[in-house]
Amino acid sequence: MTTLSPLHWLRALKREWLLYHLGDERFRFMWDPPPPNEWVTLDCETTGLNVHRDEIISIGAVRIVGDRLLTSERLELLVRPSKRRMSADSVRVHGLRERDVEEGMDPDEALMALMRFIGSRPIVGYYLEFDVAMIDRAIFPRLGMGLPQPKIEVSAMFYDWRRRQLPPYHEAAQIDLRFATMMKALDLPMEAVHDALSDAVMAGLMFIKLRHLLGEA
């Protein structure tokens, strides 16, 4: 008989506790074992940068299998915000105006589609903490909890890779984690268009290359 380690036992106990308190039984699949060697790269555009008040207006997600970014298996959604108006700064970033998203999907339907698309796969992204916080706030009323999948931050992977290249005692704080800088350092093509899907694709390309550079592939 296989004996679980204390860590595995705690993880199993936590999983059962979360499933017991899950607000919508249809989404138990998010706690299933993930398909081996698969991930989903994700990006969201929002009405602004306030996690507590702003809303998601666009979602882009693409599946990754091994070393392949499957752009044929993607999710690209415009989302109709319920009441929050666009900030001028956000429009300058993503170019989406209120009239562009007024015919978008209902936010609840869009987030349900996203969760089905992700399944139990780990989530990859650039400054993913913000996107996940926005999604968690939106799905919490239905599920009573946020996304359970593991999250992988490409800027953290890039930082680790760059730090390995520094000479001894060099200041690691000087590592530039801007998106364009990372893409250039990795010799990856920058998309001309800045939208959720393009950013998800580029984050996915960074993830695949950094896995090899870090010896994780």
C-alpha atoms as a PDB file:
ATOM      1  CA  MET A   1       0.000   0.000   0.000  1.00  0.00           C
ATOM      2  CA  THR A   2       1.328   3.447  -0.974  1.00  0.00           C
ATOM      3  CA  THR A   3       1.815   5.833   1.941  1.00  0.00           C
ATOM      4  CA  LEU A   4       1.255   9.515   1.221  1.00  0.00           C
ATOM      5  CA  SER A   5       3.870  11.982   2.419  1.00  0.00           C
ATOM      6  CA  PRO A   6       2.668  14.697   4.849  1.00  0.00           C
ATOM      7  CA  LEU A   7       2.795  17.249   1.997  1.00  0.00           C
ATOM      8  CA  HIS A   8       0.691  15.090  -0.334  1.00  0.00           C
ATOM      9  CA  TRP A   9      -1.710  14.377   2.500  1.00  0.00           C
ATOM     10  CA  LEU A  10      -2.141  18.098   3.208  1.00  0.00           C
ATOM     11  CA  ARG A  11      -2.686  18.832  -0.500  1.00  0.00           C
ATOM     12  CA  ALA A  12      -5.309  16.096  -0.726  1.00  0.00           C
ATOM     13  CA  LEU A  13      -7.032  17.398   2.403  1.00  0.00           C
ATOM     14  CA  LYS A  14      -7.040  20.956   1.055  1.00  0.00           C
ATOM     15  CA  ARG A  15      -8.471  19.747  -2.275  1.00  0.00           C
ATOM     16  CA  GLU A  16     -11.315  17.927  -0.533  1.00  0.00           C
ATOM     17  CA  TRP A  17     -12.029  20.926   1.674  1.00  0.00           C
ATOM     18  CA  LEU A  18     -12.201  23.259  -1.347  1.00  0.00           C
ATOM     19  CA  LEU A  19     -14.425  20.863  -3.303  1.00  0.00           C
ATOM     20  CA  TYR A  20     -16.744  20.546  -0.321  1.00  0.00           C
ATOM     21  CA  HIS A  21     -17.151  24.345  -0.270  1.00  0.00           C
ATOM     22  CA  LEU A  22     -17.322  24.769  -4.062  1.00  0.00           C
ATOM     23  CA  GLY A  23     -20.295  26.930  -4.962  1.00  0.00           C
ATOM     24  CA  ASP A  24     -20.948  25.333  -8.372  1.00  0.00           C
ATOM     25  CA  GLU A  25     -20.424  21.577  -8.709  1.00  0.00           C
ATOM     26  CA  ARG A  26     -20.132  21.840 -12.504  1.00  0.00           C
ATOM     27  CA  PHE A  27     -16.595  23.181 -12.084  1.00  0.00           C
ATOM     28  CA  ARG A  28     -15.113  20.329 -10.064  1.00  0.00           C
ATOM     29  CA  PHE A  29     -13.006  19.540 -13.145  1.00  0.00           C
ATOM     30  CA  MET A  30     -10.663  22.419 -12.287  1.00  0.00           C
ATOM     31  CA  TRP A  31      -9.324  20.290  -9.413  1.00  0.00           C
ATOM     32  CA  ASP A  32      -8.651  17.238 -11.608  1.00  0.00           C
ATOM     33  CA  PRO A  33      -5.035  16.227 -12.325  1.00  0.00           C
ATOM     34  CA  PRO A  34      -3.886  18.423 -15.237  1.00  0.00           C
ATOM     35  CA  PRO A  35      -3.134  16.864 -18.635  1.00  0.00           C
ATOM     36  CA  PRO A  36       0.595  16.066 -18.678  1.00  0.00           C
ATOM     37  CA  ASN A  37       2.858  18.689 -20.247  1.00  0.00           C
ATOM     38  CA  GLU A  38       0.021  21.131 -20.960  1.00  0.00           C
ATOM     39  CA  TRP A  39      -0.531  24.742 -19.938  1.00  0.00           C
ATOM     40  CA  VAL A  40      -2.742  27.703 -20.865  1.00  0.00           C
ATOM     41  CA  THR A  41      -1.229  31.127 -21.499  1.00  0.00           C
ATOM     42  CA  LEU A  42      -3.597  33.943 -20.516  1.00  0.00           C
ATOM     43  CA  ASP A  43      -3.985  37.706 -20.757  1.00  0.00           C
ATOM     44  CA  CYS A  44      -6.844  40.089 -19.932  1.00  0.00           C
ATOM     45  CA  GLU A  45      -7.554  43.703 -20.829  1.00  0.00           C
ATOM     46  CA  THR A  46      -9.509  45.766 -18.309  1.00  0.00           C
ATOM     47  CA  THR A  47     -11.297  49.082 -17.869  1.00  0.00           C
ATOM     48  CA  GLY A  48      -8.461  50.210 -15.593  1.00  0.00           C
ATOM     49  CA  LEU A  49      -5.905  49.008 -13.078  1.00  0.00           C
ATOM     50  CA  ASN A  50      -7.971  49.003  -9.892  1.00  0.00           C
ATOM     51  CA  VAL A  51      -8.494  45.366  -8.918  1.00  0.00           C
ATOM     52  CA  HIS A  52     -11.371  46.287  -6.605  1.00  0.00           C
ATOM     53  CA  ARG A  53     -13.401  48.432  -9.009  1.00  0.00           C
ATOM     54  CA  ASP A  54     -12.409  47.861 -12.640  1.00  0.00           C
ATOM     55  CA  GLU A  55     -13.694  45.106 -14.930  1.00  0.00           C
ATOM     56  CA  ILE A  56     -12.410  42.696 -17.558  1.00  0.00           C
ATOM     57  CA  ILE A  57     -13.253  43.705 -21.136  1.00  0.00           C
ATOM     58  CA  SER A  58     -11.154  41.280 -23.173  1.00  0.00           C
ATOM     59  CA  ILE A  59      -9.711  37.792 -22.654  1.00  0.00           C
ATOM     60  CA  GLY A  60      -7.086  35.983 -24.707  1.00  0.00           C
ATOM     61  CA  ALA A  61      -5.920  32.447 -23.953  1.00  0.00           C
ATOM     62  CA  VAL A  62      -3.988  29.790 -25.897  1.00  0.00           C
ATOM     63  CA  ARG A  63      -3.159  26.179 -25.070  1.00  0.00           C
ATOM     64  CA  ILE A  64       0.449  24.985 -24.877  1.00  0.00           C
ATOM     65  CA  VAL A  65       1.331  21.323 -25.357  1.00  0.00           C
ATOM     66  CA  GLY A  66       4.984  20.481 -24.840  1.00  0.00           C
ATOM     67  CA  ASP A  67       6.967  22.901 -27.011  1.00  0.00           C
ATOM     68  CA  ARG A  68       4.004  23.852 -29.179  1.00  0.00           C
ATOM     69  CA  LEU A  69       1.852  26.932 -28.834  1.00  0.00           C
ATOM     70  CA  LEU A  70      -1.458  25.774 -30.316  1.00  0.00           C
ATOM     71  CA  THR A  71      -2.865  28.981 -31.771  1.00  0.00           C
ATOM     72  CA  SER A  72      -5.609  26.896 -33.365  1.00  0.00           C
ATOM     73  CA  GLU A  73      -6.793  26.113 -29.816  1.00  0.00           C
ATOM     74  CA  ARG A  74      -7.377  29.602 -28.527  1.00  0.00           C
ATOM     75  CA  LEU A  75     -10.001  31.635 -26.747  1.00  0.00           C
ATOM     76  CA  GLU A  76     -10.567  35.254 -27.751  1.00  0.00           C
ATOM     77  CA  LEU A  77     -13.463  37.074 -26.076  1.00  0.00           C
ATOM     78  CA  LEU A  78     -14.761  40.617 -25.834  1.00  0.00           C
ATOM     79  CA  VAL A  79     -16.555  41.163 -22.538  1.00  0.00           C
ATOM     80  CA  ARG A  80     -19.275  43.713 -21.886  1.00  0.00           C
ATOM     81  CA  PRO A  81     -18.518  45.570 -18.613  1.00  0.00           C
ATOM     82  CA  SER A  82     -21.519  45.931 -16.357  1.00  0.00           C
ATOM     83  CA  LYS A  83     -21.042  49.528 -15.287  1.00  0.00           C
ATOM     84  CA  ARG A  84     -17.406  50.607 -14.973  1.00  0.00           C
ATOM     85  CA  ARG A  85     -16.383  53.181 -17.602  1.00  0.00           C
ATOM     86  CA  MET A  86     -13.066  52.939 -19.417  1.00  0.00           C
ATOM     87  CA  SER A  87     -10.199  55.010 -18.099  1.00  0.00           C
ATOM     88  CA  ALA A  88      -8.364  57.125 -20.664  1.00  0.00           C
ATOM     89  CA  ASP A  89      -5.094  55.424 -19.737  1.00  0.00           C
ATOM     90  CA  SER A  90      -6.497  51.955 -20.364  1.00  0.00           C
ATOM     91  CA  VAL A  91      -7.890  52.954 -23.775  1.00  0.00           C
ATOM     92  CA  ARG A  92      -4.427  54.226 -24.760  1.00  0.00           C
ATOM     93  CA  VAL A  93      -2.962  50.825 -23.817  1.00  0.00           C
ATOM     94  CA  HIS A  94      -5.398  48.391 -25.447  1.00  0.00           C
ATOM     95  CA  GLY A  95      -7.306  50.646 -27.857  1.00  0.00           C
ATOM     96  CA  LEU A  96     -10.728  49.297 -26.838  1.00  0.00           C
ATOM     97  CA  ARG A  97     -13.431  51.912 -26.425  1.00  0.00           C
ATOM     98  CA  GLU A  98     -16.795  51.523 -24.733  1.00  0.00           C
ATOM     99  CA  ARG A  99     -18.554  51.157 -28.065  1.00  0.00           C
ATOM    100  CA  ASP A 100     -16.119  48.380 -29.017  1.00  0.00           C
ATOM    101  CA  VAL A 101     -17.213  46.151 -26.126  1.00  0.00           C
ATOM    102  CA  GLU A 102     -20.878  47.086 -25.711  1.00  0.00           C
ATOM    103  CA  GLU A 103     -21.855  44.004 -27.771  1.00  0.00           C
ATOM    104  CA  GLY A 104     -19.412  41.748 -25.940  1.00  0.00           C
ATOM    105  CA  MET A 105     -20.285  38.655 -23.931  1.00  0.00           C
ATOM    106  CA  ASP A 106     -21.952  38.826 -20.555  1.00  0.00           C
ATOM    107  CA  PRO A 107     -19.092  38.839 -17.973  1.00  0.00           C
ATOM    108  CA  ASP A 108     -20.391  35.769 -16.165  1.00  0.00           C
ATOM    109  CA  GLU A 109     -20.706  33.757 -19.404  1.00  0.00           C
ATOM    110  CA  ALA A 110     -17.234  34.849 -20.529  1.00  0.00           C
ATOM    111  CA  LEU A 111     -15.604  33.758 -17.264  1.00  0.00           C
ATOM    112  CA  MET A 112     -17.393  30.416 -17.370  1.00  0.00           C
ATOM    113  CA  ALA A 113     -16.111  29.879 -20.925  1.00  0.00           C
ATOM    114  CA  LEU A 114     -12.598  30.737 -19.761  1.00  0.00           C
ATOM    115  CA  MET A 115     -12.688  28.264 -16.884  1.00  0.00           C
ATOM    116  CA  ARG A 116     -13.859  25.484 -19.213  1.00  0.00           C
ATOM    117  CA  PHE A 117     -11.073  26.367 -21.652  1.00  0.00           C
ATOM    118  CA  ILE A 118      -8.389  26.288 -18.951  1.00  0.00           C
ATOM    119  CA  GLY A 119      -9.665  23.142 -17.266  1.00  0.00           C
ATOM    120  CA  SER A 120      -7.124  22.029 -14.682  1.00  0.00           C
ATOM    121  CA  ARG A 121      -4.065  23.171 -16.667  1.00  0.00           C
ATOM    122  CA  PRO A 122      -1.472  25.463 -15.049  1.00  0.00           C
ATOM    123  CA  ILE A 123      -1.856  29.100 -16.112  1.00  0.00           C
ATOM    124  CA  VAL A 124       1.014  31.052 -17.710  1.00  0.00           C
ATOM    125  CA  GLY A 125       1.219  34.829 -18.073  1.00  0.00           C
ATOM    126  CA  TYR A 126       3.092  38.112 -17.745  1.00  0.00           C
ATOM    127  CA  TYR A 127       2.359  39.900 -14.454  1.00  0.00           C
ATOM    128  CA  LEU A 128      -0.277  37.238 -14.059  1.00  0.00           C
ATOM    129  CA  GLU A 129      -1.113  38.258 -10.502  1.00  0.00           C
ATOM    130  CA  PHE A 130      -3.233  41.174 -11.756  1.00  0.00           C
ATOM    131  CA  ASP A 131      -5.173  39.107 -14.306  1.00  0.00           C
ATOM    132  CA  VAL A 132      -5.838  36.340 -11.781  1.00  0.00           C
ATOM    133  CA  ALA A 133      -6.977  38.865  -9.166  1.00  0.00           C
ATOM    134  CA  MET A 134      -9.470  40.326 -11.657  1.00  0.00           C
ATOM    135  CA  ILE A 135     -10.760  36.863 -12.589  1.00  0.00           C
ATOM    136  CA  ASP A 136     -10.963  35.697  -8.977  1.00  0.00           C
ATOM    137  CA  ARG A 137     -13.039  38.714  -8.017  1.00  0.00           C
ATOM    138  CA  ALA A 138     -15.440  38.005 -10.880  1.00  0.00           C
ATOM    139  CA  ILE A 139     -15.890  34.277 -10.217  1.00  0.00           C
ATOM    140  CA  PHE A 140     -15.943  34.367  -6.413  1.00  0.00           C
ATOM    141  CA  PRO A 141     -19.708  35.044  -6.140  1.00  0.00           C
ATOM    142  CA  ARG A 142     -20.405  31.869  -8.143  1.00  0.00           C
ATOM    143  CA  LEU A 143     -17.695  29.517  -6.852  1.00  0.00           C
ATOM    144  CA  GLY A 144     -16.927  30.914  -3.414  1.00  0.00           C
ATOM    145  CA  MET A 145     -13.210  30.779  -4.269  1.00  0.00           C
ATOM    146  CA  GLY A 146     -10.714  31.755  -6.960  1.00  0.00           C
ATOM    147  CA  LEU A 147      -8.871  29.828  -9.664  1.00  0.00           C
ATOM    148  CA  PRO A 148      -7.141  26.779  -8.126  1.00  0.00           C
ATOM    149  CA  GLN A 149      -4.737  26.016 -10.970  1.00  0.00           C
ATOM    150  CA  PRO A 150      -0.972  26.548 -10.502  1.00  0.00           C
ATOM    151  CA  LYS A 151       0.218  29.916 -11.844  1.00  0.00           C
ATOM    152  CA  ILE A 152       3.503  30.451 -13.704  1.00  0.00           C
ATOM    153  CA  GLU A 153       4.912  33.972 -14.070  1.00  0.00           C
ATOM    154  CA  VAL A 154       7.160  34.426 -17.121  1.00  0.00           C
ATOM    155  CA  SER A 155       8.869  37.519 -15.690  1.00  0.00           C
ATOM    156  CA  ALA A 156       9.987  35.397 -12.698  1.00  0.00           C
ATOM    157  CA  MET A 157      11.363  32.767 -15.104  1.00  0.00           C
ATOM    158  CA  PHE A 158      13.166  35.494 -17.054  1.00  0.00           C
ATOM    159  CA  TYR A 159      14.597  36.929 -13.832  1.00  0.00           C
ATOM    160  CA  ASP A 160      15.971  33.524 -12.835  1.00  0.00           C
ATOM    161  CA  TRP A 161      17.526  33.032 -16.262  1.00  0.00           C
ATOM    162  CA  ARG A 162      19.135  36.503 -16.301  1.00  0.00           C
ATOM    163  CA  ARG A 163      20.400  36.134 -12.763  1.00  0.00           C
ATOM    164  CA  ARG A 164      22.273  32.962 -13.711  1.00  0.00           C
ATOM    165  CA  GLN A 165      24.139  34.977 -16.345  1.00  0.00           C
ATOM    166  CA  LEU A 166      25.326  37.704 -13.965  1.00  0.00           C
ATOM    167  CA  PRO A 167      28.881  37.711 -12.648  1.00  0.00           C
ATOM    168  CA  PRO A 168      29.344  37.148  -8.906  1.00  0.00           C
ATOM    169  CA  TYR A 169      28.178  39.987  -6.656  1.00  0.00           C
ATOM    170  CA  HIS A 170      26.428  41.765  -9.515  1.00  0.00           C
ATOM    171  CA  GLU A 171      23.244  43.583  -8.480  1.00  0.00           C
ATOM    172  CA  ALA A 172      20.287  41.453  -9.674  1.00  0.00           C
ATOM    173  CA  ALA A 173      17.863  44.343  -9.106  1.00  0.00           C
ATOM    174  CA  GLN A 174      19.096  45.839 -12.393  1.00  0.00           C
ATOM    175  CA  ILE A 175      17.367  43.126 -14.440  1.00  0.00           C
ATOM    176  CA  ASP A 176      14.840  44.774 -16.756  1.00  0.00           C
ATOM    177  CA  LEU A 177      11.496  42.935 -16.667  1.00  0.00           C
ATOM    178  CA  ARG A 178       9.637  45.071 -19.187  1.00  0.00           C
ATOM    179  CA  PHE A 179       7.742  43.007 -21.747  1.00  0.00           C
ATOM    180  CA  ALA A 180       9.517  44.389 -24.827  1.00  0.00           C
ATOM    181  CA  THR A 181      12.934  44.046 -23.174  1.00  0.00           C
ATOM    182  CA  MET A 182      12.272  40.412 -22.335  1.00  0.00           C
ATOM    183  CA  MET A 183      11.086  39.603 -25.852  1.00  0.00           C
ATOM    184  CA  LYS A 184      14.194  41.237 -27.347  1.00  0.00           C
ATOM    185  CA  ALA A 185      16.553  39.452 -24.955  1.00  0.00           C
ATOM    186  CA  LEU A 186      14.962  36.134 -25.876  1.00  0.00           C
ATOM    187  CA  ASP A 187      15.129  36.962 -29.598  1.00  0.00           C
ATOM    188  CA  LEU A 188      11.381  36.541 -30.006  1.00  0.00           C
ATOM    189  CA  PRO A 189       9.189  38.535 -32.431  1.00  0.00           C
ATOM    190  CA  MET A 190       7.049  41.308 -30.951  1.00  0.00           C
ATOM    191  CA  GLU A 191       3.468  41.467 -32.208  1.00  0.00           C
ATOM    192  CA  ALA A 192       2.565  44.847 -33.703  1.00  0.00           C
ATOM    193  CA  VAL A 193      -0.913  44.727 -32.144  1.00  0.00           C
ATOM    194  CA  HIS A 194      -1.366  45.018 -28.391  1.00  0.00           C
ATOM    195  CA  ASP A 195      -4.416  43.015 -27.394  1.00  0.00           C
ATOM    196  CA  ALA A 196      -5.211  40.170 -25.011  1.00  0.00           C
ATOM    197  CA  LEU A 197      -4.674  37.371 -27.532  1.00  0.00           C
ATOM    198  CA  SER A 198      -1.400  38.774 -28.912  1.00  0.00           C
ATOM    199  CA  ASP A 199      -0.035  39.284 -25.400  1.00  0.00           C
ATOM    200  CA  ALA A 200      -1.055  35.746 -24.424  1.00  0.00           C
ATOM    201  CA  VAL A 201       0.716  34.378 -27.517  1.00  0.00           C
ATOM    202  CA  MET A 202       3.920  36.296 -26.749  1.00  0.00           C
ATOM    203  CA  ALA A 203       3.873  35.240 -23.089  1.00  0.00           C
ATOM    204  CA  GLY A 204       3.465  31.648 -24.276  1.00  0.00           C
ATOM    205  CA  LEU A 205       6.464  31.943 -26.593  1.00  0.00           C
ATOM    206  CA  MET A 206       8.541  33.311 -23.724  1.00  0.00           C
ATOM    207  CA  PHE A 207       7.444  30.455 -21.475  1.00  0.00           C
ATOM    208  CA  ILE A 208       8.412  27.793 -24.013  1.00  0.00           C
ATOM    209  CA  LYS A 209      11.846  29.311 -24.652  1.00  0.00           C
ATOM    210  CA  LEU A 210      12.576  29.982 -20.969  1.00  0.00           C
ATOM    211  CA  ARG A 211      11.720  26.388 -20.055  1.00  0.00           C
ATOM    212  CA  HIS A 212      14.538  25.275 -22.353  1.00  0.00           C
ATOM    213  CA  LEU A 213      16.952  27.946 -21.164  1.00  0.00           C
ATOM    214  CA  LEU A 214      16.298  27.005 -17.536  1.00  0.00           C
ATOM    215  CA  GLY A 215      16.615  23.302 -18.264  1.00  0.00           C
ATOM    216  CA  GLU A 216      12.973  22.572 -17.366  1.00  0.00           C
ATOM    217  CA  ALA A 217      11.926  21.147 -20.747  1.00  0.00           C
END
